[in-house]
Each structure stands twice: as structure tokens, then as C-alpha cells.
PDB file of all heavy atoms in Angstrom:
ATOM      1  N   VAL A   1       0.839  -1.194   0.000  1.00  0.00           N
ATOM      2  CA  VAL A   1       0.000   0.000   0.000  1.00  0.00           C
ATOM      3  C   VAL A   1       0.876   1.247   0.000  1.00  0.00           C
ATOM      4  O   VAL A   1       1.858   1.325   0.739  1.00  0.00           O
ATOM      5  CB  VAL A   1      -0.974   0.007   1.214  1.00  0.00           C
ATOM      6  CG1 VAL A   1      -0.231  -0.193   2.536  1.00  0.00           C
ATOM      7  CG2 VAL A   1      -1.790   1.301   1.265  1.00  0.00           C
ATOM      8  N   PHE A   2       0.528   2.202  -0.860  1.00  0.00           N
ATOM      9  CA  PHE A   2       1.211   3.493  -0.892  1.00  0.00           C
ATOM     10  C   PHE A   2       0.426   4.457  -0.027  1.00  0.00           C
ATOM     11  O   PHE A   2      -0.747   4.716  -0.271  1.00  0.00           O
ATOM     12  CB  PHE A   2       1.295   4.019  -2.326  1.00  0.00           C
ATOM     13  CG  PHE A   2       2.128   5.266  -2.443  1.00  0.00           C
ATOM     14  CD1 PHE A   2       3.517   5.193  -2.424  1.00  0.00           C
ATOM     15  CD2 PHE A   2       1.538   6.510  -2.572  1.00  0.00           C
ATOM     16  CE1 PHE A   2       4.292   6.344  -2.531  1.00  0.00           C
ATOM     17  CE2 PHE A   2       2.302   7.661  -2.673  1.00  0.00           C
ATOM     18  CZ  PHE A   2       3.686   7.567  -2.650  1.00  0.00           C
ATOM     19  N   PHE A   3       1.061   4.947   1.025  1.00  0.00           N
ATOM     20  CA  PHE A   3       0.373   5.791   1.997  1.00  0.00           C
ATOM     21  C   PHE A   3       1.378   6.750   2.620  1.00  0.00           C
ATOM     22  O   PHE A   3       2.475   6.346   2.992  1.00  0.00           O
ATOM     23  CB  PHE A   3      -0.262   4.897   3.074  1.00  0.00           C
ATOM     24  CG  PHE A   3      -1.045   5.638   4.123  1.00  0.00           C
ATOM     25  CD1 PHE A   3      -2.132   6.430   3.777  1.00  0.00           C
ATOM     26  CD2 PHE A   3      -0.702   5.543   5.457  1.00  0.00           C
ATOM     27  CE1 PHE A   3      -2.858   7.119   4.744  1.00  0.00           C
ATOM     28  CE2 PHE A   3      -1.428   6.219   6.438  1.00  0.00           C
ATOM     29  CZ  PHE A   3      -2.500   7.007   6.070  1.00  0.00           C
ATOM     30  N   ARG A   4       0.997   8.017   2.718  1.00  0.00           N
ATOM     31  CA  ARG A   4       1.873   9.058   3.276  1.00  0.00           C
ATOM     32  C   ARG A   4       3.261   9.029   2.630  1.00  0.00           C
ATOM     33  O   ARG A   4       4.290   9.125   3.293  1.00  0.00           O
ATOM     34  CB  ARG A   4       1.969   8.918   4.795  1.00  0.00           C
ATOM     35  CG  ARG A   4       0.625   9.232   5.453  1.00  0.00           C
ATOM     36  CD  ARG A   4       0.650   9.158   6.954  1.00  0.00           C
ATOM     37  NE  ARG A   4      -0.733   9.286   7.464  1.00  0.00           N
ATOM     38  CZ  ARG A   4      -1.106   8.967   8.690  1.00  0.00           C
ATOM     39  NH1 ARG A   4      -0.221   8.511   9.561  1.00  0.00           N
ATOM     40  NH2 ARG A   4      -2.358   9.102   9.059  1.00  0.00           N
ATOM     41  N   GLY A   5       3.253   8.871   1.322  1.00  0.00           N
ATOM     42  CA  GLY A   5       4.491   9.025   0.563  1.00  0.00           C
ATOM     43  C   GLY A   5       5.410   7.823   0.505  1.00  0.00           C
ATOM     44  O   GLY A   5       6.510   7.929  -0.011  1.00  0.00           O
ATOM     45  N   THR A   6       4.984   6.667   1.020  1.00  0.00           N
ATOM     46  CA  THR A   6       5.876   5.509   0.997  1.00  0.00           C
ATOM     47  C   THR A   6       5.092   4.212   0.800  1.00  0.00           C
ATOM     48  O   THR A   6       3.894   4.154   1.110  1.00  0.00           O
ATOM     49  CB  THR A   6       6.705   5.436   2.297  1.00  0.00           C
ATOM     50  OG1 THR A   6       7.659   4.384   2.176  1.00  0.00           O
ATOM     51  CG2 THR A   6       5.837   5.172   3.509  1.00  0.00           C
ATOM     52  N   TRP A   7       5.755   3.189   0.272  1.00  0.00           N
ATOM     53  CA  TRP A   7       5.122   1.877   0.117  1.00  0.00           C
ATOM     54  C   TRP A   7       5.323   1.063   1.393  1.00  0.00           C
ATOM     55  O   TRP A   7       6.409   1.035   1.952  1.00  0.00           O
ATOM     56  CB  TRP A   7       5.709   1.127  -1.078  1.00  0.00           C
ATOM     57  CG  TRP A   7       5.233   1.679  -2.387  1.00  0.00           C
ATOM     58  CD1 TRP A   7       5.889   2.576  -3.192  1.00  0.00           C
ATOM     59  CD2 TRP A   7       3.990   1.394  -3.049  1.00  0.00           C
ATOM     60  NE1 TRP A   7       5.123   2.867  -4.292  1.00  0.00           N
ATOM     61  CE2 TRP A   7       3.957   2.155  -4.237  1.00  0.00           C
ATOM     62  CE3 TRP A   7       2.901   0.570  -2.735  1.00  0.00           C
ATOM     63  CZ2 TRP A   7       2.884   2.117  -5.122  1.00  0.00           C
ATOM     64  CZ3 TRP A   7       1.832   0.530  -3.624  1.00  0.00           C
ATOM     65  CH2 TRP A   7       1.825   1.289  -4.805  1.00  0.00           C
ATOM     66  N   SER A   8       4.253   0.408   1.838  1.00  0.00           N
ATOM     67  CA  SER A   8       4.285  -0.415   3.050  1.00  0.00           C
ATOM     68  C   SER A   8       3.632  -1.763   2.775  1.00  0.00           C
ATOM     69  O   SER A   8       2.918  -1.931   1.786  1.00  0.00           O
ATOM     70  CB  SER A   8       3.535   0.267   4.194  1.00  0.00           C
ATOM     71  OG  SER A   8       4.106   1.522   4.492  1.00  0.00           O
ATOM     72  N   THR A   9       3.880  -2.710   3.672  1.00  0.00           N
ATOM     73  CA  THR A   9       3.206  -4.002   3.572  1.00  0.00           C
ATOM     74  C   THR A   9       1.993  -4.026   4.494  1.00  0.00           C
ATOM     75  O   THR A   9       1.784  -3.118   5.308  1.00  0.00           O
ATOM     76  CB  THR A   9       4.173  -5.147   3.947  1.00  0.00           C
ATOM     77  OG1 THR A   9       4.957  -4.746   5.064  1.00  0.00           O
ATOM     78  CG2 THR A   9       5.094  -5.484   2.788  1.00  0.00           C
ATOM     79  N   VAL A  10       1.181  -5.076   4.364  1.00  0.00           N
ATOM     80  CA  VAL A  10      -0.062  -5.211   5.116  1.00  0.00           C
ATOM     81  C   VAL A  10       0.039  -6.450   6.008  1.00  0.00           C
ATOM     82  O   VAL A  10       0.567  -7.483   5.595  1.00  0.00           O
ATOM     83  CB  VAL A  10      -1.257  -5.335   4.143  1.00  0.00           C
ATOM     84  CG1 VAL A  10      -2.548  -5.662   4.889  1.00  0.00           C
ATOM     85  CG2 VAL A  10      -1.410  -4.044   3.337  1.00  0.00           C
ATOM     86  N   CYS A  11      -0.462  -6.329   7.240  1.00  0.00           N
ATOM     87  CA  CYS A  11      -0.338  -7.429   8.199  1.00  0.00           C
ATOM     88  C   CYS A  11      -1.335  -8.552   7.901  1.00  0.00           C
ATOM     89  O   CYS A  11      -2.507  -8.308   7.636  1.00  0.00           O
ATOM     90  CB  CYS A  11      -0.576  -6.912   9.611  1.00  0.00           C
ATOM     91  SG  CYS A  11       0.568  -5.598  10.023  1.00  0.00           S
ATOM     92  N   TYR A  12      -0.844  -9.783   8.000  1.00  0.00           N
ATOM     93  CA  TYR A  12      -1.655 -10.959   7.709  1.00  0.00           C
ATOM     94  C   TYR A  12      -2.638 -11.274   8.835  1.00  0.00           C
ATOM     95  O   TYR A  12      -3.626 -11.965   8.629  1.00  0.00           O
ATOM     96  CB  TYR A  12      -0.732 -12.164   7.467  1.00  0.00           C
ATOM     97  CG  TYR A  12      -1.416 -13.342   6.827  1.00  0.00           C
ATOM     98  CD1 TYR A  12      -1.686 -13.350   5.459  1.00  0.00           C
ATOM     99  CD2 TYR A  12      -1.806 -14.447   7.580  1.00  0.00           C
ATOM    100  CE1 TYR A  12      -2.319 -14.421   4.857  1.00  0.00           C
ATOM    101  CE2 TYR A  12      -2.446 -15.532   6.987  1.00  0.00           C
ATOM    102  CZ  TYR A  12      -2.698 -15.510   5.624  1.00  0.00           C
ATOM    103  OH  TYR A  12      -3.337 -16.567   5.031  1.00  0.00           O
ATOM    104  N   SER A  13      -2.376 -10.727  10.028  1.00  0.00           N
ATOM    105  CA  SER A  13      -3.146 -11.123  11.217  1.00  0.00           C
ATOM    106  C   SER A  13      -4.654 -10.858  11.091  1.00  0.00           C
ATOM    107  O   SER A  13      -5.460 -11.571  11.681  1.00  0.00           O
ATOM    108  CB  SER A  13      -2.608 -10.410  12.463  1.00  0.00           C
ATOM    109  OG  SER A  13      -2.581  -9.013  12.247  1.00  0.00           O
ATOM    110  N   THR A  14      -5.051  -9.841  10.319  1.00  0.00           N
ATOM    111  CA  THR A  14      -6.487  -9.581  10.139  1.00  0.00           C
ATOM    112  C   THR A  14      -6.867  -9.645   8.654  1.00  0.00           C
ATOM    113  O   THR A  14      -7.845  -9.031   8.225  1.00  0.00           O
ATOM    114  CB  THR A  14      -6.880  -8.188  10.689  1.00  0.00           C
ATOM    115  OG1 THR A  14      -6.107  -7.188  10.002  1.00  0.00           O
ATOM    116  CG2 THR A  14      -6.626  -8.095  12.187  1.00  0.00           C
ATOM    117  N   TRP A  15      -6.069 -10.364   7.877  1.00  0.00           N
ATOM    118  CA  TRP A  15      -6.284 -10.433   6.427  1.00  0.00           C
ATOM    119  C   TRP A  15      -7.130 -11.663   6.094  1.00  0.00           C
ATOM    120  O   TRP A  15      -6.637 -12.774   5.994  1.00  0.00           O
ATOM    121  CB  TRP A  15      -4.941 -10.496   5.712  1.00  0.00           C
ATOM    122  CG  TRP A  15      -5.008 -10.403   4.221  1.00  0.00           C
ATOM    123  CD1 TRP A  15      -4.758 -11.398   3.317  1.00  0.00           C
ATOM    124  CD2 TRP A  15      -5.334  -9.238   3.446  1.00  0.00           C
ATOM    125  NE1 TRP A  15      -4.912 -10.928   2.040  1.00  0.00           N
ATOM    126  CE2 TRP A  15      -5.268  -9.609   2.088  1.00  0.00           C
ATOM    127  CE3 TRP A  15      -5.688  -7.926   3.777  1.00  0.00           C
ATOM    128  CZ2 TRP A  15      -5.532  -8.703   1.054  1.00  0.00           C
ATOM    129  CZ3 TRP A  15      -5.951  -7.034   2.756  1.00  0.00           C
ATOM    130  CH2 TRP A  15      -5.872  -7.419   1.416  1.00  0.00           C
ATOM    131  N   TYR A  16      -8.445 -11.445   5.969  1.00  0.00           N
ATOM    132  CA  TYR A  16      -9.371 -12.551   5.709  1.00  0.00           C
ATOM    133  C   TYR A  16      -9.989 -12.422   4.314  1.00  0.00           C
ATOM    134  O   TYR A  16      -9.627 -11.529   3.550  1.00  0.00           O
ATOM    135  CB  TYR A  16     -10.463 -12.564   6.785  1.00  0.00           C
ATOM    136  CG  TYR A  16      -9.918 -12.775   8.177  1.00  0.00           C
ATOM    137  CD1 TYR A  16      -9.907 -11.733   9.100  1.00  0.00           C
ATOM    138  CD2 TYR A  16      -9.383 -14.011   8.554  1.00  0.00           C
ATOM    139  CE1 TYR A  16      -9.386 -11.913  10.381  1.00  0.00           C
ATOM    140  CE2 TYR A  16      -8.863 -14.207   9.830  1.00  0.00           C
ATOM    141  CZ  TYR A  16      -8.866 -13.155  10.735  1.00  0.00           C
ATOM    142  OH  TYR A  16      -8.348 -13.337  11.988  1.00  0.00           O
ATOM    143  N   ASP A  17     -10.919 -13.295   3.998  1.00  0.00           N
ATOM    144  CA  ASP A  17     -11.511 -13.284   2.656  1.00  0.00           C
ATOM    145  C   ASP A  17     -12.183 -11.951   2.323  1.00  0.00           C
ATOM    146  O   ASP A  17     -12.134 -11.504   1.177  1.00  0.00           O
ATOM    147  CB  ASP A  17     -12.526 -14.424   2.505  1.00  0.00           C
ATOM    148  CG  ASP A  17     -11.842 -15.736   2.113  1.00  0.00           C
ATOM    149  OD1 ASP A  17     -10.627 -15.706   1.830  1.00  0.00           O
ATOM    150  OD2 ASP A  17     -12.516 -16.780   2.089  1.00  0.00           O
ATOM    151  N   THR A  18     -12.813 -11.313   3.326  1.00  0.00           N
ATOM    152  CA  THR A  18     -13.492 -10.035   3.053  1.00  0.00           C
ATOM    153  C   THR A  18     -12.488  -8.981   2.588  1.00  0.00           C
ATOM    154  O   THR A  18     -12.683  -8.328   1.560  1.00  0.00           O
ATOM    155  CB  THR A  18     -14.236  -9.530   4.308  1.00  0.00           C
ATOM    156  OG1 THR A  18     -15.130 -10.545   4.743  1.00  0.00           O
ATOM    157  CG2 THR A  18     -15.037  -8.274   4.001  1.00  0.00           C
ATOM    158  N   GLU A  19     -11.397  -8.838   3.343  1.00  0.00           N
ATOM    159  CA  GLU A  19     -10.373  -7.846   2.986  1.00  0.00           C
ATOM    160  C   GLU A  19      -9.768  -8.165   1.617  1.00  0.00           C
ATOM    161  O   GLU A  19      -9.583  -7.272   0.770  1.00  0.00           O
ATOM    162  CB  GLU A  19      -9.271  -7.806   4.052  1.00  0.00           C
ATOM    163  CG  GLU A  19      -9.687  -7.224   5.390  1.00  0.00           C
ATOM    164  CD  GLU A  19     -10.518  -8.167   6.253  1.00  0.00           C
ATOM    165  OE1 GLU A  19     -10.554  -9.386   5.988  1.00  0.00           O
ATOM    166  OE2 GLU A  19     -11.131  -7.681   7.211  1.00  0.00           O
ATOM    167  N   ALA A  20      -9.462  -9.436   1.399  1.00  0.00           N
ATOM    168  CA  ALA A  20      -8.841  -9.850   0.140  1.00  0.00           C
ATOM    169  C   ALA A  20      -9.785  -9.626  -1.042  1.00  0.00           C
ATOM    170  O   ALA A  20      -9.360  -9.201  -2.120  1.00  0.00           O
ATOM    171  CB  ALA A  20      -8.417 -11.316   0.223  1.00  0.00           C
ATOM    172  N   THR A  21     -11.084  -9.889  -0.826  1.00  0.00           N
ATOM    173  CA  THR A  21     -12.076  -9.684  -1.889  1.00  0.00           C
ATOM    174  C   THR A  21     -12.192  -8.203  -2.246  1.00  0.00           C
ATOM    175  O   THR A  21     -12.243  -7.836  -3.426  1.00  0.00           O
ATOM    176  CB  THR A  21     -13.459 -10.227  -1.451  1.00  0.00           C
ATOM    177  OG1 THR A  21     -13.330 -11.626  -1.197  1.00  0.00           O
ATOM    178  CG2 THR A  21     -14.502 -10.012  -2.536  1.00  0.00           C
ATOM    179  N   VAL A  22     -12.223  -7.345  -1.225  1.00  0.00           N
ATOM    180  CA  VAL A  22     -12.284  -5.900  -1.469  1.00  0.00           C
ATOM    181  C   VAL A  22     -11.116  -5.467  -2.354  1.00  0.00           C
ATOM    182  O   VAL A  22     -11.292  -4.737  -3.338  1.00  0.00           O
ATOM    183  CB  VAL A  22     -12.277  -5.111  -0.140  1.00  0.00           C
ATOM    184  CG1 VAL A  22     -12.072  -3.615  -0.392  1.00  0.00           C
ATOM    185  CG2 VAL A  22     -13.580  -5.338   0.624  1.00  0.00           C
ATOM    186  N   LEU A  23      -9.924  -5.962  -2.051  1.00  0.00           N
ATOM    187  CA  LEU A  23      -8.752  -5.553  -2.825  1.00  0.00           C
ATOM    188  C   LEU A  23      -8.797  -6.115  -4.245  1.00  0.00           C
ATOM    189  O   LEU A  23      -8.534  -5.383  -5.205  1.00  0.00           O
ATOM    190  CB  LEU A  23      -7.462  -5.998  -2.133  1.00  0.00           C
ATOM    191  CG  LEU A  23      -6.192  -5.565  -2.867  1.00  0.00           C
ATOM    192  CD1 LEU A  23      -6.134  -4.045  -3.023  1.00  0.00           C
ATOM    193  CD2 LEU A  23      -4.949  -6.061  -2.153  1.00  0.00           C
ATOM    194  N   CYS A  24      -9.132  -7.391  -4.398  1.00  0.00           N
ATOM    195  CA  CYS A  24      -9.217  -7.971  -5.749  1.00  0.00           C
ATOM    196  C   CYS A  24     -10.166  -7.160  -6.625  1.00  0.00           C
ATOM    197  O   CYS A  24      -9.858  -6.845  -7.774  1.00  0.00           O
ATOM    198  CB  CYS A  24      -9.683  -9.426  -5.689  1.00  0.00           C
ATOM    199  SG  CYS A  24      -8.440 -10.606  -5.084  1.00  0.00           S
ATOM    200  N   ARG A  25     -11.317  -6.793  -6.068  1.00  0.00           N
ATOM    201  CA  ARG A  25     -12.311  -6.045  -6.842  1.00  0.00           C
ATOM    202  C   ARG A  25     -11.844  -4.632  -7.143  1.00  0.00           C
ATOM    203  O   ARG A  25     -12.060  -4.111  -8.243  1.00  0.00           O
ATOM    204  CB  ARG A  25     -13.649  -6.033  -6.106  1.00  0.00           C
ATOM    205  CG  ARG A  25     -14.291  -7.414  -6.073  1.00  0.00           C
ATOM    206  CD  ARG A  25     -15.631  -7.414  -5.362  1.00  0.00           C
ATOM    207  NE  ARG A  25     -16.191  -8.767  -5.304  1.00  0.00           N
ATOM    208  CZ  ARG A  25     -17.340  -9.069  -4.720  1.00  0.00           C
ATOM    209  NH1 ARG A  25     -18.061  -8.124  -4.135  1.00  0.00           N
ATOM    210  NH2 ARG A  25     -17.777 -10.317  -4.714  1.00  0.00           N
ATOM    211  N   THR A  26     -11.185  -3.991  -6.164  1.00  0.00           N
ATOM    212  CA  THR A  26     -10.657  -2.644  -6.384  1.00  0.00           C
ATOM    213  C   THR A  26      -9.650  -2.636  -7.534  1.00  0.00           C
ATOM    214  O   THR A  26      -9.595  -1.701  -8.327  1.00  0.00           O
ATOM    215  CB  THR A  26      -9.958  -2.116  -5.105  1.00  0.00           C
ATOM    216  OG1 THR A  26     -10.896  -2.094  -4.037  1.00  0.00           O
ATOM    217  CG2 THR A  26      -9.416  -0.713  -5.299  1.00  0.00           C
ATOM    218  N   LEU A  27      -8.837  -3.685  -7.611  1.00  0.00           N
ATOM    219  CA  LEU A  27      -7.795  -3.771  -8.639  1.00  0.00           C
ATOM    220  C   LEU A  27      -8.354  -4.279  -9.974  1.00  0.00           C
ATOM    221  O   LEU A  27      -7.604  -4.417 -10.939  1.00  0.00           O
ATOM    222  CB  LEU A  27      -6.672  -4.694  -8.166  1.00  0.00           C
ATOM    223  CG  LEU A  27      -5.876  -4.207  -6.950  1.00  0.00           C
ATOM    224  CD1 LEU A  27      -4.875  -5.267  -6.510  1.00  0.00           C
ATOM    225  CD2 LEU A  27      -5.160  -2.889  -7.239  1.00  0.00           C
TER     226      LEU A  27
END
């Protein structure tokens, strides 16, 4: 994710199907 001027990674601890689906559709 690009946020506040830099690229960062996303934590897997709360990464479920809902979050993943939102991103797939956004892209």
C-alpha cells in the first residue's frame, strides 16, 4: 500500500476473505 508518501506491507493477522475480496475487486 502506498500511503503518506511511501510503500508499506499489510499485516496478515487480520487479512481474511473479506479484505482480500475488497482488494481484488478494487484492482
